[in-house]
Amino acid sequence: MLPIISTIPLRQMASGDILSLQVYKFIGKSSGKKVYIQSNLHGAEIVGNAVIHQLIEFLWTLDNTDLIGEIWLLPVCNPMGTNQRSHHFSSGRHCAYEAKDWNRIFWDYEKDIYQSNQGEDNQLLAFAKSQIHLDIQEIKINFLEAIKQQFSKLSDKFNSDIGIPYTEKFRYKLQSLSLDADYLIDIHSSTNQGLNYLYYFNNREESAKYFLLDFGILLDEYDGDAFDEAFIKPWLALEKCFLELGRTVKFDVEAWTLELGRGMEMIPESVNKGVEGIKNYLKQKGVLSEDFELDNIAQQNNQMNFKTKSKATKYYATVGGMIQSRIALGMEVRAGEQLYQILSFNKQGKLPTTVDIFAHQDGFVYDVSANQSVNEGEFVLGII
């Protein structure tokens, strides 16, 4: 099955060169769900590009009857961030010109309609009341249309000679491609040294298991500015409104952030886990036909260890110095156990000292800093 390849101009640089996006669309013979998968939103987090490449090669081998619905794949979704360098190191987490995190800029429908009405009424609750007796699929169609209408207003100032900040155009381009998706997958890596896991949202635990990863983190606190949050937050809010009205509604709409390995590296194990997990997810969600068999993948609900984001604790250096004797990534810890030691070269005419840091809670280490030289107040490790 050959993809439809679309190249989308994104930004003209001072040199005259044009930065572009390239989307690969695989469309099955039968209609069904739309899956949107992107990678490399943060410039140093490149592992998702390898995952998408292998998914393209996999989908290429399929017959169009094997695919129910369509899959859109967007590697290198942020060329500005991908090309950013500091000496030998890729950074690209922030838009340096506007000082904004590339994954904290996205448009949130729920927040937008609240602000446009100065919070005087709850449009979502009113919408839920108007739809309370309708079939869930009809509600989904109507709500998506409301989101699209509000989103279309963002383009009104695009053609003005006043211009707009680049991050606004950038977010519009990405969200215009993904707004009508049923399932959204945003592939990231740890900025530091992280494990392979995913972030998920309320009442999506069963689907999370399809990714065959060891653990997932529930985003129980979020503001809607991240890519996955902005996509699913309105749907979760509408589900909550229906619940307040006495009706349980769960839309077949899902958003995931896969965290695979660490930045600036394509770690084979992380790439393989991402590819196998996404294939299994597509199969379990009915995007791949019942008759199609996946090779070498155990198609089952994985026994995933679930954690909660608000329960995570990040440890920051209490003094400047060098980290030594640090507990390893992925290790279980108990409250009171030593986590690491900071070797501090004080400038007080004294001998160097060491500062021992101990765990405040039970948990396991899911993220550690790449740099073991720290200034006071810099991140050292995270426990959840």
Protein backbone atom coordinates (compact mmCIF):
# COMPACT_ATOMS: atom_id res chain seq x y z
CA MET A 1 0.00 0.00 0.00
CA LEU A 2 1.52 3.30 -1.10
CA PRO A 3 1.09 6.41 1.05
CA ILE A 4 -0.13 9.77 -0.09
CA ILE A 5 2.80 12.10 0.62
CA SER A 6 2.06 15.76 1.31
CA THR A 7 4.72 18.44 1.75
CA ILE A 8 3.51 21.46 3.70
CA PRO A 9 5.49 24.74 3.67
CA LEU A 10 5.98 25.90 7.24
CA ARG A 11 8.37 28.85 7.48
CA GLN A 12 10.60 30.99 5.31
CA MET A 13 13.97 31.72 6.86
CA ALA A 14 16.03 34.91 6.54
CA SER A 15 18.22 33.04 4.03
CA GLY A 16 15.18 32.48 1.82
CA ASP A 17 15.09 28.74 2.53
CA ILE A 18 11.71 27.16 3.29
CA LEU A 19 11.18 24.80 6.21
CA SER A 20 8.48 22.21 5.51
CA LEU A 21 6.56 19.35 7.05
CA GLN A 22 6.04 16.05 5.26
CA VAL A 23 3.01 13.88 6.03
CA TYR A 24 2.60 10.23 5.00
CA LYS A 25 -1.06 9.19 4.74
CA PHE A 26 -2.02 5.52 4.51
CA ILE A 27 -5.71 5.12 3.70
CA GLY A 28 -7.46 1.76 3.90
CA LYS A 29 -10.13 0.42 1.60
CA SER A 30 -12.72 0.52 4.39
CA SER A 31 -13.52 3.67 6.34
CA GLY A 32 -12.81 3.73 10.06
CA LYS A 33 -10.74 5.56 12.64
CA LYS A 34 -8.10 8.19 11.94
CA VAL A 35 -4.76 7.71 13.70
CA TYR A 36 -2.30 10.60 13.86
CA ILE A 37 1.32 9.89 14.84
CA GLN A 38 4.06 12.51 15.09
CA SER A 39 7.63 12.67 16.38
CA ASN A 40 10.47 15.06 17.18
CA LEU A 41 8.40 17.91 18.62
CA HIS A 42 11.36 18.51 20.91
CA GLY A 43 14.48 18.86 18.78
CA ALA A 44 16.80 16.44 20.58
CA GLU A 45 14.18 13.68 20.88
CA ILE A 46 14.81 11.85 17.63
CA VAL A 47 13.93 8.23 18.44
CA GLY A 48 10.37 8.71 17.17
CA ASN A 49 11.68 9.39 13.67
CA ALA A 50 13.10 5.85 13.56
CA VAL A 51 9.81 4.50 14.92
CA ILE A 52 7.83 6.28 12.21
CA HIS A 53 10.26 5.14 9.52
CA GLN A 54 9.72 1.51 10.52
CA LEU A 55 5.96 2.03 10.68
CA ILE A 56 6.04 3.44 7.13
CA GLU A 57 7.98 0.37 5.97
CA PHE A 58 5.47 -1.88 7.75
CA LEU A 59 2.40 -0.14 6.31
CA TRP A 60 4.00 -0.20 2.85
CA THR A 61 3.81 -4.01 2.91
CA LEU A 62 0.08 -4.10 3.70
CA ASP A 63 -2.79 -4.50 1.33
CA ASN A 64 -5.34 -1.68 1.57
CA THR A 65 -7.88 -4.23 2.87
CA ASP A 66 -5.65 -4.77 5.93
CA LEU A 67 -6.16 -1.19 7.08
CA ILE A 68 -9.50 -0.03 8.46
CA GLY A 69 -9.51 3.77 8.37
CA GLU A 70 -6.39 5.85 7.92
CA ILE A 71 -3.03 6.53 9.52
CA TRP A 72 -1.21 9.86 9.20
CA LEU A 73 2.48 9.91 10.10
CA LEU A 74 4.50 13.08 10.61
CA PRO A 75 8.20 12.60 11.40
CA VAL A 76 10.41 15.61 12.15
CA CYS A 77 7.30 17.60 13.03
CA ASN A 78 9.40 20.53 14.33
CA PRO A 79 12.25 21.31 11.92
CA MET A 80 13.16 24.48 13.84
CA GLY A 81 13.80 22.49 17.02
CA THR A 82 15.47 19.60 15.20
CA ASN A 83 18.05 21.87 13.60
CA GLN A 84 18.90 23.77 16.77
CA ARG A 85 22.41 23.22 18.17
CA SER A 86 24.63 24.35 21.01
CA HIS A 87 28.16 23.28 20.07
CA HIS A 88 27.90 19.49 19.58
CA PHE A 89 24.59 19.17 21.42
CA SER A 90 21.04 19.24 20.13
CA SER A 91 18.70 21.14 22.37
CA GLY A 92 15.56 22.31 20.62
CA ARG A 93 13.24 21.99 23.61
CA HIS A 94 12.35 25.66 23.48
CA CYS A 95 11.71 28.20 20.79
CA ALA A 96 14.76 30.30 21.57
CA TYR A 97 13.33 33.44 19.97
CA GLU A 98 10.06 33.42 21.93
CA ALA A 99 11.40 31.55 25.01
CA LYS A 100 8.58 28.99 24.88
CA ASP A 101 8.59 25.22 25.29
CA TRP A 102 7.57 23.75 21.93
CA ASN A 103 5.18 21.41 23.76
CA ARG A 104 3.46 24.08 25.86
CA ILE A 105 2.01 26.29 23.14
CA PHE A 106 -1.07 24.46 21.85
CA TRP A 107 -4.62 25.65 21.46
CA ASP A 108 -7.15 24.26 23.94
CA TYR A 109 -10.81 24.46 22.86
CA GLU A 110 -12.13 24.28 26.40
CA LYS A 111 -9.89 27.11 27.60
CA ASP A 112 -10.63 29.18 24.50
CA ILE A 113 -14.42 29.14 24.83
CA TYR A 114 -14.16 29.81 28.57
CA GLN A 115 -11.98 32.89 28.02
CA SER A 116 -14.09 34.16 25.12
CA ASN A 117 -17.11 34.19 27.44
CA GLN A 118 -15.18 35.53 30.44
CA GLY A 119 -16.19 32.40 32.30
CA GLU A 120 -19.79 33.63 32.59
CA ASP A 121 -21.34 30.34 31.54
CA ASN A 122 -20.31 26.77 30.93
CA GLN A 123 -20.69 26.16 27.22
CA LEU A 124 -19.62 22.54 27.58
CA LEU A 125 -22.32 21.83 30.14
CA ALA A 126 -24.88 23.58 27.94
CA PHE A 127 -23.73 21.50 24.98
CA ALA A 128 -24.03 18.30 27.04
CA LYS A 129 -27.59 19.22 28.07
CA SER A 130 -28.52 19.76 24.43
CA GLN A 131 -27.13 16.33 23.48
CA ILE A 132 -28.14 14.31 26.52
CA HIS A 133 -30.55 12.02 24.66
CA LEU A 134 -28.51 11.54 21.50
CA ASP A 135 -26.46 8.53 20.43
CA ILE A 136 -22.80 8.80 21.43
CA GLN A 137 -21.58 8.75 17.83
CA GLU A 138 -23.91 11.62 16.94
CA ILE A 139 -22.66 13.57 19.97
CA LYS A 140 -19.09 12.97 18.86
CA ILE A 141 -19.79 14.31 15.36
CA ASN A 142 -21.55 17.40 16.73
CA PHE A 143 -18.82 18.16 19.27
CA LEU A 144 -16.03 17.79 16.72
CA GLU A 145 -17.85 20.23 14.47
CA ALA A 146 -18.05 22.74 17.35
CA ILE A 147 -14.29 22.36 17.93
CA LYS A 148 -13.54 22.84 14.24
CA GLN A 149 -15.66 25.99 14.04
CA GLN A 150 -13.84 27.55 16.97
CA PHE A 151 -10.46 26.45 15.62
CA SER A 152 -11.15 28.02 12.22
CA LYS A 153 -11.29 31.46 13.86
CA LEU A 154 -7.55 31.21 14.59
CA SER A 155 -6.75 31.58 10.90
CA ASP A 156 -8.48 34.95 10.58
CA LYS A 157 -5.29 36.92 11.24
CA PHE A 158 -2.93 34.73 9.20
CA ASN A 159 -3.18 36.84 6.06
CA SER A 160 -2.88 40.18 7.80
CA ASP A 161 0.25 42.27 7.14
CA ILE A 162 0.53 42.62 10.93
CA GLY A 163 1.81 39.04 11.01
CA ILE A 164 1.74 36.54 13.88
CA PRO A 165 4.39 34.96 16.12
CA TYR A 166 5.84 31.83 14.56
CA THR A 167 4.72 29.55 17.41
CA GLU A 168 1.10 30.43 16.65
CA LYS A 169 1.46 29.45 13.00
CA PHE A 170 3.39 26.32 13.95
CA ARG A 171 0.78 25.08 16.42
CA TYR A 172 -2.00 25.81 13.93
CA LYS A 173 -0.31 23.68 11.26
CA LEU A 174 0.14 20.68 13.58
CA GLN A 175 -3.32 20.90 15.11
CA SER A 176 -5.02 21.33 11.74
CA LEU A 177 -3.61 17.94 10.76
CA SER A 178 -4.63 16.17 13.96
CA LEU A 179 -7.81 17.88 15.15
CA ASP A 180 -10.18 15.28 13.67
CA ALA A 181 -8.14 12.22 14.68
CA ASP A 182 -9.63 9.52 16.87
CA TYR A 183 -6.28 8.36 18.25
CA LEU A 184 -3.26 10.63 18.63
CA ILE A 185 0.28 9.46 19.43
CA ASP A 186 3.06 11.97 20.14
CA ILE A 187 6.49 10.30 20.42
CA HIS A 188 9.06 11.86 22.76
CA SER A 189 12.19 10.87 24.67
CA SER A 190 13.53 11.97 28.02
CA THR A 191 15.54 15.16 27.97
CA ASN A 192 17.84 13.32 30.37
CA GLN A 193 18.16 9.54 30.79
CA GLY A 194 14.68 8.06 30.91
CA LEU A 195 12.91 4.72 30.72
CA ASN A 196 10.40 3.58 28.11
CA TYR A 197 6.90 4.51 29.27
CA LEU A 198 3.82 6.48 28.30
CA TYR A 199 1.61 9.25 29.60
CA TYR A 200 -2.12 8.56 29.55
CA PHE A 201 -5.40 10.18 30.60
CA ASN A 202 -8.34 9.30 32.79
CA ASN A 203 -10.25 6.07 32.03
CA ARG A 204 -7.80 4.99 29.29
CA GLU A 205 -5.87 2.35 31.28
CA GLU A 206 -7.08 -0.62 29.25
CA SER A 207 -5.94 0.88 25.97
CA ALA A 208 -2.63 1.92 27.57
CA LYS A 209 -1.79 -1.76 28.05
CA TYR A 210 -1.85 -2.31 24.30
CA PHE A 211 1.46 -0.45 23.96
CA LEU A 212 3.23 -3.31 25.76
CA LEU A 213 5.35 -1.01 27.92
CA ASP A 214 6.29 -1.68 31.53
CA PHE A 215 4.63 1.34 33.07
CA GLY A 216 2.41 4.31 32.38
CA ILE A 217 1.91 7.63 34.14
CA LEU A 218 -1.59 9.04 34.57
CA LEU A 219 -1.75 12.77 33.83
CA ASP A 220 -4.08 13.66 36.67
CA GLU A 221 -2.97 17.31 36.55
CA TYR A 222 -2.59 19.22 33.27
CA ASP A 223 -3.38 22.64 31.83
CA GLY A 224 -4.10 21.75 28.20
CA ASP A 225 -1.09 23.46 26.65
CA ALA A 226 0.80 20.29 25.67
CA PHE A 227 -0.02 18.63 22.34
CA ASP A 228 -1.72 15.53 23.72
CA GLU A 229 -3.50 17.53 26.43
CA ALA A 230 -4.93 20.10 24.03
CA PHE A 231 -6.28 17.30 21.85
CA ILE A 232 -8.09 15.26 24.49
CA LYS A 233 -8.87 17.79 27.23
CA PRO A 234 -12.16 19.01 25.68
CA TRP A 235 -13.39 15.41 25.27
CA LEU A 236 -12.56 14.54 28.88
CA ALA A 237 -14.26 17.73 30.05
CA LEU A 238 -17.40 16.83 28.07
CA GLU A 239 -17.40 13.33 29.57
CA LYS A 240 -17.32 14.98 33.00
CA CYS A 241 -20.26 17.22 32.07
CA PHE A 242 -22.36 14.22 31.04
CA LEU A 243 -21.49 12.52 34.32
CA GLU A 244 -22.75 15.57 36.22
CA LEU A 245 -26.00 15.20 34.29
CA GLY A 246 -26.31 11.55 35.29
CA ARG A 247 -25.16 9.91 32.06
CA THR A 248 -21.92 7.95 31.68
CA VAL A 249 -20.30 8.69 28.32
CA LYS A 250 -16.86 7.58 27.18
CA PHE A 251 -15.76 8.69 23.74
CA ASP A 252 -13.48 6.46 21.69
CA VAL A 253 -10.95 9.30 21.55
CA GLU A 254 -7.45 8.73 22.92
CA ALA A 255 -4.19 10.66 23.18
CA TRP A 256 -0.80 9.29 24.17
CA THR A 257 2.70 10.56 24.69
CA LEU A 258 5.26 7.79 24.37
CA GLU A 259 8.54 8.47 26.18
CA LEU A 260 11.17 6.27 24.53
CA GLY A 261 14.75 6.33 25.73
CA ARG A 262 16.80 9.52 25.82
CA GLY A 263 17.53 12.51 23.63
CA MET A 264 20.05 12.67 20.77
CA GLU A 265 20.07 8.87 20.47
CA MET A 266 18.14 6.24 18.54
CA ILE A 267 18.41 3.43 21.06
CA PRO A 268 17.45 0.18 19.25
CA GLU A 269 15.58 -1.24 22.25
CA SER A 270 13.48 1.93 22.58
CA VAL A 271 12.77 2.03 18.85
CA ASN A 272 11.67 -1.64 18.88
CA LYS A 273 9.41 -1.12 21.88
CA GLY A 274 7.80 1.87 20.22
CA VAL A 275 7.21 0.08 16.92
CA GLU A 276 5.86 -3.13 18.48
CA GLY A 277 3.66 -1.23 20.91
CA ILE A 278 2.10 0.96 18.23
CA LYS A 279 1.49 -2.01 15.93
CA ASN A 280 -0.22 -3.88 18.74
CA TYR A 281 -2.28 -0.79 19.63
CA LEU A 282 -3.44 -0.47 16.01
CA LYS A 283 -4.42 -4.14 15.98
CA GLN A 284 -6.26 -4.06 19.29
CA LYS A 285 -8.14 -0.88 18.35
CA GLY A 286 -9.38 -2.42 15.11
CA VAL A 287 -7.34 -0.19 12.79
CA LEU A 288 -5.70 -3.32 11.42
CA SER A 289 -8.26 -5.87 10.21
CA GLU A 290 -9.21 -8.95 12.20
CA ASP A 291 -7.71 -11.20 9.53
CA PHE A 292 -4.31 -9.52 9.66
CA GLU A 293 -1.81 -11.23 11.94
CA LEU A 294 1.13 -9.44 13.51
CA ASP A 295 4.38 -11.37 13.48
CA ASN A 296 6.37 -11.84 16.68
CA ILE A 297 4.11 -9.64 18.81
CA ALA A 298 2.10 -11.00 21.70
CA GLN A 299 -1.27 -9.39 21.01
CA GLN A 300 -2.56 -9.08 24.52
CA ASN A 301 -3.15 -6.68 27.36
CA ASN A 302 0.25 -6.07 28.86
CA GLN A 303 0.59 -6.12 32.65
CA MET A 304 1.43 -2.45 33.01
CA ASN A 305 2.48 -0.76 36.22
CA PHE A 306 0.43 2.44 36.56
CA LYS A 307 1.67 5.53 38.37
CA THR A 308 0.21 9.00 38.95
CA LYS A 309 1.99 12.16 37.77
CA SER A 310 1.09 14.18 40.87
CA LYS A 311 2.86 11.56 43.01
CA ALA A 312 6.19 12.13 41.26
CA THR A 313 8.96 13.96 43.10
CA LYS A 314 11.83 15.71 41.36
CA TYR A 315 15.07 16.20 43.27
CA TYR A 316 17.16 19.30 42.63
CA ALA A 317 20.74 19.98 43.69
CA THR A 318 20.83 21.64 47.11
CA VAL A 319 24.40 22.82 46.43
CA GLY A 320 26.54 23.14 43.35
CA GLY A 321 28.98 20.35 42.60
CA MET A 322 29.39 16.92 41.00
CA ILE A 323 26.94 14.04 41.38
CA GLN A 324 28.46 10.76 42.51
CA SER A 325 27.20 7.46 43.96
CA ARG A 326 23.83 8.02 42.31
CA ILE A 327 21.21 5.28 42.34
CA ALA A 328 20.65 3.75 38.91
CA LEU A 329 17.77 4.53 36.55
CA GLY A 330 14.86 2.11 37.06
CA MET A 331 15.84 1.09 40.59
CA GLU A 332 13.28 0.71 43.39
CA VAL A 333 13.95 2.89 46.43
CA ARG A 334 12.65 3.09 49.98
CA ALA A 335 12.10 6.22 52.04
CA GLY A 336 15.33 7.05 53.85
CA GLU A 337 17.56 5.28 51.34
CA GLN A 338 20.48 7.26 49.93
CA LEU A 339 19.84 8.48 46.39
CA TYR A 340 23.06 10.27 45.54
CA GLN A 341 25.92 12.32 46.85
CA ILE A 342 27.06 15.78 45.77
CA LEU A 343 30.78 16.50 45.82
CA SER A 344 30.96 20.23 46.57
CA PHE A 345 34.09 22.32 45.98
CA ASN A 346 33.28 25.21 48.27
CA LYS A 347 35.12 28.51 47.90
CA GLN A 348 35.44 29.16 51.62
CA GLY A 349 39.04 28.10 52.16
CA LYS A 350 37.87 24.66 53.31
CA LEU A 351 38.37 21.11 52.07
CA PRO A 352 35.81 19.76 49.55
CA THR A 353 32.71 18.31 51.21
CA THR A 354 30.10 15.72 50.27
CA VAL A 355 26.37 16.12 50.76
CA ASP A 356 24.23 12.97 51.00
CA ILE A 357 20.65 13.09 49.69
CA PHE A 358 18.04 10.57 50.84
CA ALA A 359 14.65 9.50 49.45
CA HIS A 360 11.58 11.13 50.96
CA GLN A 361 9.26 8.37 49.71
CA ASP A 362 9.10 4.86 48.32
CA GLY A 363 9.08 4.53 44.55
CA PHE A 364 11.39 3.97 41.63
CA VAL A 365 13.73 6.17 39.63
CA TYR A 366 12.21 6.98 36.25
CA ASP A 367 14.40 9.89 35.13
CA VAL A 368 17.96 11.02 35.88
CA SER A 369 19.98 14.00 34.64
CA ALA A 370 22.37 13.46 31.76
CA ASN A 371 24.88 15.88 33.25
CA GLN A 372 26.47 14.92 36.58
CA SER A 373 27.85 18.41 37.02
CA VAL A 374 25.11 20.55 38.59
CA ASN A 375 24.61 24.09 39.72
CA GLU A 376 22.48 24.60 42.80
CA GLY A 377 18.81 24.16 41.90
CA GLU A 378 19.33 21.97 38.82
CA PHE A 379 17.52 18.68 38.26
CA VAL A 380 19.22 15.48 39.47
CA LEU A 381 16.58 12.72 39.34
CA GLY A 382 12.87 11.93 39.50
CA ILE A 383 11.08 9.31 41.62
CA ILE A 384 7.52 8.13 41.19
